[in-house]
Every structure is written in structure tokens, then in C-alpha cells.
Amino acid sequence: MPYSVVTGDVFAGHDDPGHPESQARLEAALAGVPAGARRVPPEQATTRDLARVHTHRHIAAIHSFCRECPPGRACYIDPDTYVTRGSFDAALYAAGAASQAVDRALGGEHSFALVRPPGHHATPDRAMGFCLFNNAAVATARALREVDRVAIVDWDVHHGNGTEMAFYTSDRVLYCSVHQMGIFPGTGWPDERGAGPGAGYTINAPLEPGSTGADYTLVFREVFIPAIRRFEPDLVVVSAGQDALAGDPLGSMLLEPGDFGVLAGMLADAGPGALALVLEGGYGRLHAGAVGAIIAALDGARFTPGGGEPKASTRQLVETYIGVGRAVPA
């Protein structure tokens, strides 16, 4: 199956050098993209696209805050999350690129939107955790105009609280997140399962610090993949944050680059068609290698998970979840 990457220089307008989420970290990740990869320039989302997920007040507030930020400076919304004069445009390109990746996946081509700022912490009415707008959620909401069901798999080391919130009451989106337990933003526990029509369509797998590719592979094989197959989505979107890599300054997991190739390959083999991936976190020296492994998996390579045996706590979590995949209604 062919693949592409959606990226460009437009994200540099949102930059605070020295902050973990800076343009330098995207440039480092892009070093993992093969020279011959098909690159697609990003296009901006519209405010109407954003409004499928975010409140009009939130969109206007971010626009105003960016416009009022002095040129050449970063202005902070909270201690973690900043904007610059160019951040609103960059964020529109990030959300638009995510939608382009979805469109290309629906057309039969794996596509990886390598964008910033990231998105999965942005809630309908709040920017947080480096995120202004929720790129994956905006792209998913747009896709739901054309398809019936979308599965979102989030392997970022942090729980995607914003994505979960966006679709918590929907039975058209299956949200699966594996993440390090207990760290920012403090959500993502197994009892968060969805509500109303969406009950059972949220699956959280919080893992202990020090978990490896063996732990992640077990969760995917025994919990996420059966749930996805039962759900029968028209599309699989991946919130692809590689900050579970060993040595990442914002996480305490021990995955190696090839482990992300394992996860991408498992989803490619289980999904209904091509994958749409959207960059989230990833701040360490191994990030380029993980991006390269993901793209290799999209191109047909398959990897073997590292890390030895899963932790006892991961096995216990999986045992409690073993029926969840069967519980998701068809």
C-alpha cells in the first residue's frame, strides 16, 4: 500500500526555542522520514472544521491571544502552553494536515501528518498540554460526515484527555489509549469507559513506568485489536506520540524505535484499510528512529517487539479487559 507524509515549513511560526515543544523537535523527527517519501504540503483547516470539536469562544480566544502576542515573543496561556503571533495559522495548518491524512487514508494510502503544535490534550473549550486545537479530533469529526465509524488509537505516553472528551458520548468513535499511568493530565483510567450512547467505546490502558514494547504489544494484541475488529470502523486514526521512547524527557517508558514499527504494523494489518497518523508528542533523541520505523511499517516492513516479558501489572490489566473487545457493540 502506498504512503505519504503531510508536512511543511509552515509550523515554524509557532516556536519558542528551548521549550520541549519547539520547531527543533519536529525537525529532529523529520530526520526519520526516508528521502524518497512522498511529501504533501499542508493545507489550513477552516474555523468551521475546528467548530465541529471546539466552541466558537475557544477558537476566538486563541485567535485573539495570538494576535495580541508581541512579535518575536512567546505568550503563555498556562505554564506549559504558549502561543506566538504565528501560532493560530500554524495550528490551522496542523488541523488541516490531519484532515488531509484522513482523506488520503480513505483514498487507500497510508498517511502520516507530521505537524505541530500537537493536539490530543486540547478539549472543546481549553488549550492545554502544549495543544491549541485537537488535530486528530478535528480530522475525525470531519471524516464522520462521510463515514459511519472511526477508531482512534492513541499511543502517546500521556493520555489524550481532549480526544476522549470530544467523543465520550458517541458510539461512532472507538477511542483506545495506552499511556503511562498517573502523569499529566491525570486522566485515562480504566473506569473511564464513555457515557450514554458512548458507554463502552472508550478503552484506557494505563501502564506502569518502565513498561516496554512487550507491554504495549500485549495490550494491542489482546485488547485494542479485538476491540477494533469488533467495532468494524471505516477508518483508523492514530494519535502518534513517540514520547514513550526510552530516554524521552517527558516520560518514563522504555520503548525502542522498532517497537513503534510493531504497533503501526499491527494496526495496518488489523484495520479496514489505510491508516491516518497524526504526530503528537516525542521529544527525545530516538524520535527520528521511531518515525522511520513507523514509516517502514506503513511501507510493509514488520518488526519484533523488544523488552522481554510484559510486566505482571500489564498482564493483570489485560486480564481484566479481556472481554472488552467483545463488549463493543457491532
C-alpha atoms as a PDB file:
ATOM      1  CA  MET A   1       0.000   0.000   0.000  1.00  0.00           C
ATOM      2  CA  PRO A   2       1.414   3.453  -0.838  1.00  0.00           C
ATOM      3  CA  TYR A   3       2.153   6.009   1.854  1.00  0.00           C
ATOM      4  CA  SER A   4       2.737   9.725   2.176  1.00  0.00           C
ATOM      5  CA  VAL A   5       3.724  12.297   4.775  1.00  0.00           C
ATOM      6  CA  VAL A   6       1.944  15.620   5.129  1.00  0.00           C
ATOM      7  CA  THR A   7       4.321  18.286   6.419  1.00  0.00           C
ATOM      8  CA  GLY A   8       5.978  21.585   5.616  1.00  0.00           C
ATOM      9  CA  ASP A   9       7.759  24.632   6.966  1.00  0.00           C
ATOM     10  CA  VAL A  10       4.556  26.415   7.985  1.00  0.00           C
ATOM     11  CA  PHE A  11       4.705  25.121  11.560  1.00  0.00           C
ATOM     12  CA  ALA A  12       7.785  27.184  12.350  1.00  0.00           C
ATOM     13  CA  GLY A  13       5.520  30.170  13.009  1.00  0.00           C
ATOM     14  CA  HIS A  14       4.679  28.520  16.335  1.00  0.00           C
ATOM     15  CA  ASP A  15       8.025  28.319  18.101  1.00  0.00           C
ATOM     16  CA  ASP A  16       9.567  29.046  21.481  1.00  0.00           C
ATOM     17  CA  PRO A  17      13.164  27.777  21.249  1.00  0.00           C
ATOM     18  CA  GLY A  18      14.121  25.926  24.404  1.00  0.00           C
ATOM     19  CA  HIS A  19      10.565  24.779  25.093  1.00  0.00           C
ATOM     20  CA  PRO A  20      10.199  20.991  24.724  1.00  0.00           C
ATOM     21  CA  GLU A  21       7.542  21.511  22.032  1.00  0.00           C
ATOM     22  CA  SER A  22       9.529  23.638  19.591  1.00  0.00           C
ATOM     23  CA  GLN A  23      10.213  23.603  15.883  1.00  0.00           C
ATOM     24  CA  ALA A  24      13.516  21.870  16.587  1.00  0.00           C
ATOM     25  CA  ARG A  25      11.759  18.741  17.770  1.00  0.00           C
ATOM     26  CA  LEU A  26       9.744  18.496  14.533  1.00  0.00           C
ATOM     27  CA  GLU A  27      12.915  18.946  12.510  1.00  0.00           C
ATOM     28  CA  ALA A  28      14.515  16.155  14.549  1.00  0.00           C
ATOM     29  CA  ALA A  29      11.553  13.872  13.885  1.00  0.00           C
ATOM     30  CA  LEU A  30      11.625  14.637  10.164  1.00  0.00           C
ATOM     31  CA  ALA A  31      15.144  13.227  10.038  1.00  0.00           C
ATOM     32  CA  GLY A  32      13.476   9.810  10.210  1.00  0.00           C
ATOM     33  CA  VAL A  33      11.492  10.303   7.008  1.00  0.00           C
ATOM     34  CA  PRO A  34      13.078   8.461   4.056  1.00  0.00           C
ATOM     35  CA  ALA A  35      14.458  10.662   1.310  1.00  0.00           C
ATOM     36  CA  GLY A  36      12.123   9.139  -1.270  1.00  0.00           C
ATOM     37  CA  ALA A  37       8.929   9.533   0.748  1.00  0.00           C
ATOM     38  CA  ARG A  38       6.055  11.303  -0.962  1.00  0.00           C
ATOM     39  CA  ARG A  39       5.645  14.662   0.791  1.00  0.00           C
ATOM     40  CA  VAL A  40       2.371  16.540   0.620  1.00  0.00           C
ATOM     41  CA  PRO A  41       2.225  20.241   1.558  1.00  0.00           C
ATOM     42  CA  PRO A  42      -0.258  21.016   4.340  1.00  0.00           C
ATOM     43  CA  GLU A  43      -3.453  22.984   3.869  1.00  0.00           C
ATOM     44  CA  GLN A  44      -5.243  25.009   6.522  1.00  0.00           C
ATOM     45  CA  ALA A  45      -8.374  23.839   8.256  1.00  0.00           C
ATOM     46  CA  THR A  46     -11.245  26.293   8.383  1.00  0.00           C
ATOM     47  CA  THR A  47     -12.810  27.646  11.549  1.00  0.00           C
ATOM     48  CA  ARG A  48     -15.873  25.616  10.565  1.00  0.00           C
ATOM     49  CA  ASP A  49     -13.711  22.489  10.719  1.00  0.00           C
ATOM     50  CA  LEU A  50     -12.496  23.469  14.192  1.00  0.00           C
ATOM     51  CA  ALA A  51     -16.053  24.197  15.343  1.00  0.00           C
ATOM     52  CA  ARG A  52     -17.055  20.557  14.897  1.00  0.00           C
ATOM     53  CA  VAL A  53     -14.953  19.911  18.019  1.00  0.00           C
ATOM     54  CA  HIS A  54     -14.233  23.271  19.677  1.00  0.00           C
ATOM     55  CA  THR A  55     -16.506  26.016  20.940  1.00  0.00           C
ATOM     56  CA  HIS A  56     -16.617  29.259  18.990  1.00  0.00           C
ATOM     57  CA  ARG A  57     -15.495  31.053  22.148  1.00  0.00           C
ATOM     58  CA  HIS A  58     -12.368  28.904  22.378  1.00  0.00           C
ATOM     59  CA  ILE A  59     -11.490  29.428  18.720  1.00  0.00           C
ATOM     60  CA  ALA A  60     -11.936  33.182  19.045  1.00  0.00           C
ATOM     61  CA  ALA A  61      -9.931  33.318  22.269  1.00  0.00           C
ATOM     62  CA  ILE A  62      -6.942  31.543  20.732  1.00  0.00           C
ATOM     63  CA  HIS A  63      -7.133  33.769  17.659  1.00  0.00           C
ATOM     64  CA  SER A  64      -7.221  36.898  19.805  1.00  0.00           C
ATOM     65  CA  PHE A  65      -4.435  35.759  22.138  1.00  0.00           C
ATOM     66  CA  CYS A  66      -2.159  35.048  19.177  1.00  0.00           C
ATOM     67  CA  ARG A  67      -2.970  38.356  17.512  1.00  0.00           C
ATOM     68  CA  GLU A  68      -2.181  40.273  20.709  1.00  0.00           C
ATOM     69  CA  CYS A  69       1.120  38.470  21.370  1.00  0.00           C
ATOM     70  CA  PRO A  70       4.029  40.842  20.564  1.00  0.00           C
ATOM     71  CA  PRO A  71       6.102  39.906  17.508  1.00  0.00           C
ATOM     72  CA  GLY A  72       9.134  37.762  18.311  1.00  0.00           C
ATOM     73  CA  ARG A  73       7.784  36.697  21.711  1.00  0.00           C
ATOM     74  CA  ALA A  74       6.022  33.679  23.175  1.00  0.00           C
ATOM     75  CA  CYS A  75       2.943  34.336  25.299  1.00  0.00           C
ATOM     76  CA  TYR A  76       1.836  31.678  27.756  1.00  0.00           C
ATOM     77  CA  ILE A  77      -1.743  30.502  28.194  1.00  0.00           C
ATOM     78  CA  ASP A  78      -0.665  28.335  31.139  1.00  0.00           C
ATOM     79  CA  PRO A  79       2.759  27.274  32.470  1.00  0.00           C
ATOM     80  CA  ASP A  80       3.072  24.625  29.716  1.00  0.00           C
ATOM     81  CA  THR A  81       1.257  26.053  26.715  1.00  0.00           C
ATOM     82  CA  TYR A  82       2.324  29.050  24.662  1.00  0.00           C
ATOM     83  CA  VAL A  83       1.406  30.914  21.526  1.00  0.00           C
ATOM     84  CA  THR A  84       3.211  33.327  19.247  1.00  0.00           C
ATOM     85  CA  ARG A  85       1.926  35.788  16.688  1.00  0.00           C
ATOM     86  CA  GLY A  86       2.018  32.960  14.116  1.00  0.00           C
ATOM     87  CA  SER A  87       0.525  30.178  16.216  1.00  0.00           C
ATOM     88  CA  PHE A  88      -3.064  30.466  15.022  1.00  0.00           C
ATOM     89  CA  ASP A  89      -2.070  29.973  11.395  1.00  0.00           C
ATOM     90  CA  ALA A  90       0.286  27.116  12.320  1.00  0.00           C
ATOM     91  CA  ALA A  91      -2.476  25.425  14.318  1.00  0.00           C
ATOM     92  CA  LEU A  92      -4.875  25.732  11.375  1.00  0.00           C
ATOM     93  CA  TYR A  93      -2.262  24.047   9.191  1.00  0.00           C
ATOM     94  CA  ALA A  94      -1.787  21.284  11.796  1.00  0.00           C
ATOM     95  CA  ALA A  95      -5.504  20.529  11.929  1.00  0.00           C
ATOM     96  CA  GLY A  96      -5.780  20.782   8.154  1.00  0.00           C
ATOM     97  CA  ALA A  97      -2.864  18.406   7.622  1.00  0.00           C
ATOM     98  CA  ALA A  98      -4.514  15.867   9.924  1.00  0.00           C
ATOM     99  CA  SER A  99      -7.632  16.053   7.760  1.00  0.00           C
ATOM    100  CA  GLN A 100      -5.503  15.631   4.637  1.00  0.00           C
ATOM    101  CA  ALA A 101      -4.002  12.474   6.138  1.00  0.00           C
ATOM    102  CA  VAL A 102      -7.517  11.186   6.803  1.00  0.00           C
ATOM    103  CA  ASP A 103      -8.636  11.969   3.271  1.00  0.00           C
ATOM    104  CA  ARG A 104      -5.629  10.172   1.823  1.00  0.00           C
ATOM    105  CA  ALA A 105      -6.226   7.160   4.068  1.00  0.00           C
ATOM    106  CA  LEU A 106      -9.830   6.978   2.935  1.00  0.00           C
ATOM    107  CA  GLY A 107      -8.438   7.010  -0.603  1.00  0.00           C
ATOM    108  CA  GLY A 108      -6.308   3.925   0.106  1.00  0.00           C
ATOM    109  CA  GLU A 109      -2.966   5.480   1.074  1.00  0.00           C
ATOM    110  CA  HIS A 110      -1.324   5.368   4.499  1.00  0.00           C
ATOM    111  CA  SER A 111      -0.570   8.956   5.501  1.00  0.00           C
ATOM    112  CA  PHE A 112       1.364  10.473   8.411  1.00  0.00           C
ATOM    113  CA  ALA A 113       0.723  14.138   9.255  1.00  0.00           C
ATOM    114  CA  LEU A 114       3.979  15.359  10.813  1.00  0.00           C
ATOM    115  CA  VAL A 115       2.705  18.562  12.362  1.00  0.00           C
ATOM    116  CA  ARG A 116       2.852  20.868  15.338  1.00  0.00           C
ATOM    117  CA  PRO A 117       1.514  22.110  17.664  1.00  0.00           C
ATOM    118  CA  PRO A 118       0.175  18.727  18.805  1.00  0.00           C
ATOM    119  CA  GLY A 119      -3.466  18.347  19.693  1.00  0.00           C
ATOM    120  CA  HIS A 120      -4.713  15.487  21.835  1.00  0.00           C
ATOM    121  CA  HIS A 121      -4.867  17.430  25.131  1.00  0.00           C
ATOM    122  CA  ALA A 122      -6.944  20.281  23.691  1.00  0.00           C
ATOM    123  CA  THR A 123     -10.511  19.980  24.951  1.00  0.00           C
ATOM    124  CA  PRO A 124     -13.521  21.558  23.255  1.00  0.00           C
ATOM    125  CA  ASP A 125     -13.060  24.744  25.295  1.00  0.00           C
ATOM    126  CA  ARG A 126      -9.488  24.730  26.568  1.00  0.00           C
ATOM    127  CA  ALA A 127      -5.906  24.738  25.292  1.00  0.00           C
ATOM    128  CA  MET A 128      -3.504  22.765  27.477  1.00  0.00           C
ATOM    129  CA  GLY A 129      -0.511  20.435  27.461  1.00  0.00           C
ATOM    130  CA  PHE A 130       1.213  22.198  24.511  1.00  0.00           C
ATOM    131  CA  CYS A 131      -2.009  21.814  22.457  1.00  0.00           C
ATOM    132  CA  LEU A 132      -4.208  24.567  20.996  1.00  0.00           C
ATOM    133  CA  PHE A 133      -6.692  22.643  18.820  1.00  0.00           C
ATOM    134  CA  ASN A 134      -7.261  18.896  18.720  1.00  0.00           C
ATOM    135  CA  ASN A 135      -5.914  17.885  15.318  1.00  0.00           C
ATOM    136  CA  ALA A 136      -6.937  14.221  15.422  1.00  0.00           C
ATOM    137  CA  ALA A 137     -10.398  15.015  16.757  1.00  0.00           C
ATOM    138  CA  VAL A 138     -10.997  17.724  14.149  1.00  0.00           C
ATOM    139  CA  ALA A 139      -9.961  15.342  11.375  1.00  0.00           C
ATOM    140  CA  THR A 140     -12.141  12.571  12.802  1.00  0.00           C
ATOM    141  CA  ALA A 141     -15.181  14.830  13.125  1.00  0.00           C
ATOM    142  CA  ARG A 142     -14.743  15.882   9.521  1.00  0.00           C
ATOM    143  CA  ALA A 143     -14.437  12.245   8.404  1.00  0.00           C
ATOM    144  CA  LEU A 144     -17.668  11.367  10.188  1.00  0.00           C
ATOM    145  CA  ARG A 145     -19.525  13.442   7.591  1.00  0.00           C
ATOM    146  CA  GLU A 146     -18.642  10.723   5.066  1.00  0.00           C
ATOM    147  CA  VAL A 147     -18.160   7.511   7.061  1.00  0.00           C
ATOM    148  CA  ASP A 148     -20.075   5.847   9.875  1.00  0.00           C
ATOM    149  CA  ARG A 149     -17.354   4.810  12.331  1.00  0.00           C
ATOM    150  CA  VAL A 150     -13.810   5.821  13.197  1.00  0.00           C
ATOM    151  CA  ALA A 151     -11.390   4.169  15.633  1.00  0.00           C
ATOM    152  CA  ILE A 152      -8.747   6.396  17.235  1.00  0.00           C
ATOM    153  CA  VAL A 153      -5.682   4.733  18.758  1.00  0.00           C
ATOM    154  CA  ASP A 154      -3.529   6.974  20.956  1.00  0.00           C
ATOM    155  CA  TRP A 155      -0.099   5.622  21.900  1.00  0.00           C
ATOM    156  CA  ASP A 156       1.339   8.886  23.241  1.00  0.00           C
ATOM    157  CA  VAL A 157       2.885   8.491  26.702  1.00  0.00           C
ATOM    158  CA  HIS A 158       0.271  10.936  28.007  1.00  0.00           C
ATOM    159  CA  HIS A 159      -3.444  10.261  27.966  1.00  0.00           C
ATOM    160  CA  GLY A 160      -5.346  12.157  25.262  1.00  0.00           C
ATOM    161  CA  ASN A 161      -7.912  13.708  27.556  1.00  0.00           C
ATOM    162  CA  GLY A 162      -9.128  16.154  24.916  1.00  0.00           C
ATOM    163  CA  THR A 163      -9.799  13.443  22.343  1.00  0.00           C
ATOM    164  CA  GLU A 164     -11.556  11.295  24.906  1.00  0.00           C
ATOM    165  CA  MET A 165     -13.759  14.228  25.934  1.00  0.00           C
ATOM    166  CA  ALA A 166     -14.661  15.090  22.343  1.00  0.00           C
ATOM    167  CA  PHE A 167     -16.201  11.680  21.663  1.00  0.00           C
ATOM    168  CA  TYR A 168     -17.046  10.398  25.147  1.00  0.00           C
ATOM    169  CA  THR A 169     -20.768  10.134  24.464  1.00  0.00           C
ATOM    170  CA  SER A 170     -20.503   8.922  20.860  1.00  0.00           C
ATOM    171  CA  ASP A 171     -20.991   5.381  19.622  1.00  0.00           C
ATOM    172  CA  ARG A 172     -19.420   6.322  16.270  1.00  0.00           C
ATOM    173  CA  VAL A 173     -15.883   6.689  17.639  1.00  0.00           C
ATOM    174  CA  LEU A 174     -13.912   3.997  19.446  1.00  0.00           C
ATOM    175  CA  TYR A 175     -11.113   5.643  21.454  1.00  0.00           C
ATOM    176  CA  CYS A 176      -8.250   3.417  22.636  1.00  0.00           C
ATOM    177  CA  SER A 177      -5.395   4.936  24.645  1.00  0.00           C
ATOM    178  CA  VAL A 178      -2.299   3.287  26.111  1.00  0.00           C
ATOM    179  CA  HIS A 179      -0.233   5.618  28.279  1.00  0.00           C
ATOM    180  CA  GLN A 180       1.875   5.949  31.401  1.00  0.00           C
ATOM    181  CA  MET A 181      -0.311   5.912  34.479  1.00  0.00           C
ATOM    182  CA  GLY A 182      -0.504   8.840  36.840  1.00  0.00           C
ATOM    183  CA  ILE A 183       1.288  11.532  34.856  1.00  0.00           C
ATOM    184  CA  PHE A 184      -0.126  14.604  33.095  1.00  0.00           C
ATOM    185  CA  PRO A 185      -3.029  15.167  32.631  1.00  0.00           C
ATOM    186  CA  GLY A 186      -4.068  12.739  35.382  1.00  0.00           C
ATOM    187  CA  THR A 187      -6.842  11.088  33.374  1.00  0.00           C
ATOM    188  CA  GLY A 188      -7.138   7.885  31.395  1.00  0.00           C
ATOM    189  CA  TRP A 189      -8.161   5.326  33.979  1.00  0.00           C
ATOM    190  CA  PRO A 190      -9.943   2.058  33.123  1.00  0.00           C
ATOM    191  CA  ASP A 191     -13.218   3.236  34.644  1.00  0.00           C
ATOM    192  CA  GLU A 192     -13.401   5.984  32.008  1.00  0.00           C
ATOM    193  CA  ARG A 193     -15.435   3.956  29.512  1.00  0.00           C
ATOM    194  CA  GLY A 194     -17.690   6.508  27.841  1.00  0.00           C
ATOM    195  CA  ALA A 195     -21.189   7.646  28.733  1.00  0.00           C
ATOM    196  CA  GLY A 196     -24.676   7.488  27.270  1.00  0.00           C
ATOM    197  CA  PRO A 197     -24.595   6.053  23.737  1.00  0.00           C
ATOM    198  CA  GLY A 198     -20.780   6.050  24.014  1.00  0.00           C
ATOM    199  CA  ALA A 199     -20.619   3.705  27.006  1.00  0.00           C
ATOM    200  CA  GLY A 200     -18.015   1.036  26.249  1.00  0.00           C
ATOM    201  CA  TYR A 201     -16.458   2.940  23.362  1.00  0.00           C
ATOM    202  CA  THR A 202     -13.550   4.362  25.406  1.00  0.00           C
ATOM    203  CA  ILE A 203     -10.768   1.963  26.378  1.00  0.00           C
ATOM    204  CA  ASN A 204      -7.904   3.183  28.540  1.00  0.00           C
ATOM    205  CA  ALA A 205      -4.807   1.131  29.312  1.00  0.00           C
ATOM    206  CA  PRO A 206      -2.632   2.956  31.870  1.00  0.00           C
ATOM    207  CA  LEU A 207       0.716   1.186  32.258  1.00  0.00           C
ATOM    208  CA  GLU A 208       3.380   1.402  34.938  1.00  0.00           C
ATOM    209  CA  PRO A 209       6.566   3.425  34.372  1.00  0.00           C
ATOM    210  CA  GLY A 210       9.285   1.294  32.828  1.00  0.00           C
ATOM    211  CA  SER A 211       6.919  -0.555  30.509  1.00  0.00           C
ATOM    212  CA  THR A 212       8.431  -1.839  27.268  1.00  0.00           C
ATOM    213  CA  GLY A 213       7.399  -2.863  23.799  1.00  0.00           C
ATOM    214  CA  ALA A 214       6.316  -6.212  25.207  1.00  0.00           C
ATOM    215  CA  ASP A 215       3.738  -4.485  27.412  1.00  0.00           C
ATOM    216  CA  TYR A 216       2.401  -2.351  24.575  1.00  0.00           C
ATOM    217  CA  THR A 217       2.232  -5.301  22.196  1.00  0.00           C
ATOM    218  CA  LEU A 218       0.250  -7.322  24.725  1.00  0.00           C
ATOM    219  CA  VAL A 219      -2.286  -4.504  25.139  1.00  0.00           C
ATOM    220  CA  PHE A 220      -2.641  -4.138  21.377  1.00  0.00           C
ATOM    221  CA  ARG A 221      -2.914  -7.866  20.682  1.00  0.00           C
ATOM    222  CA  GLU A 222      -5.344  -8.761  23.470  1.00  0.00           C
ATOM    223  CA  VAL A 223      -7.383  -5.572  23.950  1.00  0.00           C
ATOM    224  CA  PHE A 224      -7.151  -2.943  21.207  1.00  0.00           C
ATOM    225  CA  ILE A 225      -7.063  -5.120  18.088  1.00  0.00           C
ATOM    226  CA  PRO A 226     -10.039  -7.295  19.153  1.00  0.00           C
ATOM    227  CA  ALA A 227     -11.987  -4.142  20.025  1.00  0.00           C
ATOM    228  CA  ILE A 228     -11.214  -2.574  16.654  1.00  0.00           C
ATOM    229  CA  ARG A 229     -12.212  -5.713  14.777  1.00  0.00           C
ATOM    230  CA  ARG A 230     -15.480  -5.921  16.702  1.00  0.00           C
ATOM    231  CA  PHE A 231     -16.185  -2.229  16.103  1.00  0.00           C
ATOM    232  CA  GLU A 232     -15.570  -2.570  12.338  1.00  0.00           C
ATOM    233  CA  PRO A 233     -14.502   1.045  11.716  1.00  0.00           C
ATOM    234  CA  ASP A 234     -14.322   2.613   8.297  1.00  0.00           C
ATOM    235  CA  LEU A 235     -11.075   4.342   9.292  1.00  0.00           C
ATOM    236  CA  VAL A 236      -8.331   4.087  11.920  1.00  0.00           C
ATOM    237  CA  VAL A 237      -6.696   7.325  13.077  1.00  0.00           C
ATOM    238  CA  VAL A 238      -3.529   7.145  15.186  1.00  0.00           C
ATOM    239  CA  SER A 239      -2.517   9.840  17.641  1.00  0.00           C
ATOM    240  CA  ALA A 240       1.148   9.050  17.186  1.00  0.00           C
ATOM    241  CA  GLY A 241       3.186  10.453  20.043  1.00  0.00           C
ATOM    242  CA  GLN A 242       6.547   8.747  20.456  1.00  0.00           C
ATOM    243  CA  ASP A 243       7.342  10.063  23.957  1.00  0.00           C
ATOM    244  CA  ALA A 244       7.139   6.526  25.373  1.00  0.00           C
ATOM    245  CA  LEU A 245      10.624   6.028  23.929  1.00  0.00           C
ATOM    246  CA  ALA A 246      13.445   5.259  26.338  1.00  0.00           C
ATOM    247  CA  GLY A 247      15.192   8.458  27.341  1.00  0.00           C
ATOM    248  CA  ASP A 248      12.348  10.816  26.470  1.00  0.00           C
ATOM    249  CA  PRO A 249      12.477  13.689  28.986  1.00  0.00           C
ATOM    250  CA  LEU A 250       8.696  13.774  29.469  1.00  0.00           C
ATOM    251  CA  GLY A 251       8.048  10.084  30.093  1.00  0.00           C
ATOM    252  CA  SER A 252       9.438   7.077  31.932  1.00  0.00           C
ATOM    253  CA  MET A 253       8.752   4.270  29.486  1.00  0.00           C
ATOM    254  CA  LEU A 254      11.356   2.086  27.792  1.00  0.00           C
ATOM    255  CA  LEU A 255      10.187   1.548  24.220  1.00  0.00           C
ATOM    256  CA  GLU A 256      12.740   1.372  21.418  1.00  0.00           C
ATOM    257  CA  PRO A 257      12.193   2.803  17.920  1.00  0.00           C
ATOM    258  CA  GLY A 258      11.304  -0.561  16.419  1.00  0.00           C
ATOM    259  CA  ASP A 259       8.508  -1.034  18.938  1.00  0.00           C
ATOM    260  CA  PHE A 260       6.579   1.747  17.213  1.00  0.00           C
ATOM    261  CA  GLY A 261       7.048  -0.139  13.972  1.00  0.00           C
ATOM    262  CA  VAL A 262       5.458  -3.124  15.699  1.00  0.00           C
ATOM    263  CA  LEU A 263       2.415  -1.122  16.772  1.00  0.00           C
ATOM    264  CA  ALA A 264       1.976   0.532  13.372  1.00  0.00           C
ATOM    265  CA  GLY A 265       2.245  -2.838  11.650  1.00  0.00           C
ATOM    266  CA  MET A 266      -0.332  -4.415  13.948  1.00  0.00           C
ATOM    267  CA  LEU A 267      -2.809  -1.631  13.210  1.00  0.00           C
ATOM    268  CA  ALA A 268      -2.105  -1.749   9.480  1.00  0.00           C
ATOM    269  CA  ASP A 269      -2.788  -5.481   9.465  1.00  0.00           C
ATOM    270  CA  ALA A 270      -5.957  -5.188  11.563  1.00  0.00           C
ATOM    271  CA  GLY A 271      -7.567  -2.095  10.080  1.00  0.00           C
ATOM    272  CA  PRO A 272     -10.117  -1.852   7.312  1.00  0.00           C
ATOM    273  CA  GLY A 273      -7.721  -0.018   5.010  1.00  0.00           C
ATOM    274  CA  ALA A 274      -5.022   2.609   5.205  1.00  0.00           C
ATOM    275  CA  LEU A 275      -4.027   4.369   8.430  1.00  0.00           C
ATOM    276  CA  ALA A 276      -4.075   8.108   9.096  1.00  0.00           C
ATOM    277  CA  LEU A 277      -1.438   9.073  11.665  1.00  0.00           C
ATOM    278  CA  VAL A 278      -1.086  12.463  13.347  1.00  0.00           C
ATOM    279  CA  LEU A 279       2.025  13.475  15.275  1.00  0.00           C
ATOM    280  CA  GLU A 280       1.521  14.184  18.965  1.00  0.00           C
ATOM    281  CA  GLY A 281       4.460  14.097  21.415  1.00  0.00           C
ATOM    282  CA  GLY A 282       8.035  12.845  21.151  1.00  0.00           C
ATOM    283  CA  TYR A 283      10.937  14.858  22.491  1.00  0.00           C
ATOM    284  CA  GLY A 284      13.930  12.558  22.854  1.00  0.00           C
ATOM    285  CA  ARG A 285      16.982  11.568  20.813  1.00  0.00           C
ATOM    286  CA  LEU A 286      15.351   8.357  19.496  1.00  0.00           C
ATOM    287  CA  HIS A 287      12.375  10.101  17.909  1.00  0.00           C
ATOM    288  CA  ALA A 288      13.697  10.073  14.346  1.00  0.00           C
ATOM    289  CA  GLY A 289      14.316   6.342  14.587  1.00  0.00           C
ATOM    290  CA  ALA A 290      10.758   5.724  15.735  1.00  0.00           C
ATOM    291  CA  VAL A 291       9.324   7.834  12.900  1.00  0.00           C
ATOM    292  CA  GLY A 292      11.475   5.840  10.487  1.00  0.00           C
ATOM    293  CA  ALA A 293      10.217   2.549  11.915  1.00  0.00           C
ATOM    294  CA  ILE A 294       6.579   3.667  11.666  1.00  0.00           C
ATOM    295  CA  ILE A 295       7.038   4.664   8.035  1.00  0.00           C
ATOM    296  CA  ALA A 296       8.836   1.398   7.302  1.00  0.00           C
ATOM    297  CA  ALA A 297       5.837  -0.461   8.749  1.00  0.00           C
ATOM    298  CA  LEU A 298       3.491   1.558   6.543  1.00  0.00           C
ATOM    299  CA  ASP A 299       5.688   0.506   3.639  1.00  0.00           C
ATOM    300  CA  GLY A 300       5.297  -3.167   4.523  1.00  0.00           C
ATOM    301  CA  ALA A 301       8.120  -3.924   6.974  1.00  0.00           C
ATOM    302  CA  ARG A 302       7.274  -5.843  10.133  1.00  0.00           C
ATOM    303  CA  PHE A 303       9.135  -5.661  13.438  1.00  0.00           C
ATOM    304  CA  THR A 304       9.595  -7.814  16.519  1.00  0.00           C
ATOM    305  CA  PRO A 305       8.791  -6.226  19.890  1.00  0.00           C
ATOM    306  CA  GLY A 306      11.588  -5.786  22.395  1.00  0.00           C
ATOM    307  CA  GLY A 307      11.630  -5.586  26.149  1.00  0.00           C
ATOM    308  CA  GLY A 308      11.413  -9.234  27.170  1.00  0.00           C
ATOM    309  CA  GLU A 309       8.274 -10.249  29.040  1.00  0.00           C
ATOM    310  CA  PRO A 310       5.351  -7.949  29.898  1.00  0.00           C
ATOM    311  CA  LYS A 311       5.048  -6.721  33.460  1.00  0.00           C
ATOM    312  CA  ALA A 312       2.772  -8.614  35.808  1.00  0.00           C
ATOM    313  CA  SER A 313       0.693  -5.439  36.202  1.00  0.00           C
ATOM    314  CA  THR A 314       0.182  -5.247  32.437  1.00  0.00           C
ATOM    315  CA  ARG A 315      -0.901  -8.881  32.300  1.00  0.00           C
ATOM    316  CA  GLN A 316      -3.341  -8.224  35.138  1.00  0.00           C
ATOM    317  CA  LEU A 317      -4.784  -5.174  33.353  1.00  0.00           C
ATOM    318  CA  VAL A 318      -5.206  -7.154  30.147  1.00  0.00           C
ATOM    319  CA  GLU A 319      -6.917  -9.984  32.010  1.00  0.00           C
ATOM    320  CA  THR A 320      -9.467  -7.552  33.438  1.00  0.00           C
ATOM    321  CA  TYR A 321     -10.017  -6.130  29.955  1.00  0.00           C
ATOM    322  CA  ILE A 322     -10.033  -9.376  28.030  1.00  0.00           C
ATOM    323  CA  GLY A 323     -13.777  -9.189  27.396  1.00  0.00           C
ATOM    324  CA  VAL A 324     -13.854  -5.514  26.443  1.00  0.00           C
ATOM    325  CA  GLY A 325     -13.238  -6.129  22.752  1.00  0.00           C
ATOM    326  CA  ARG A 326     -16.230  -8.464  22.626  1.00  0.00           C
ATOM    327  CA  ALA A 327     -18.327  -5.956  24.597  1.00  0.00           C
ATOM    328  CA  VAL A 328     -18.081  -3.204  21.980  1.00  0.00           C
ATOM    329  CA  PRO A 329     -21.369  -3.327  20.065  1.00  0.00           C
ATOM    330  CA  ALA A 330     -21.206  -4.070  16.366  1.00  0.00           C
END
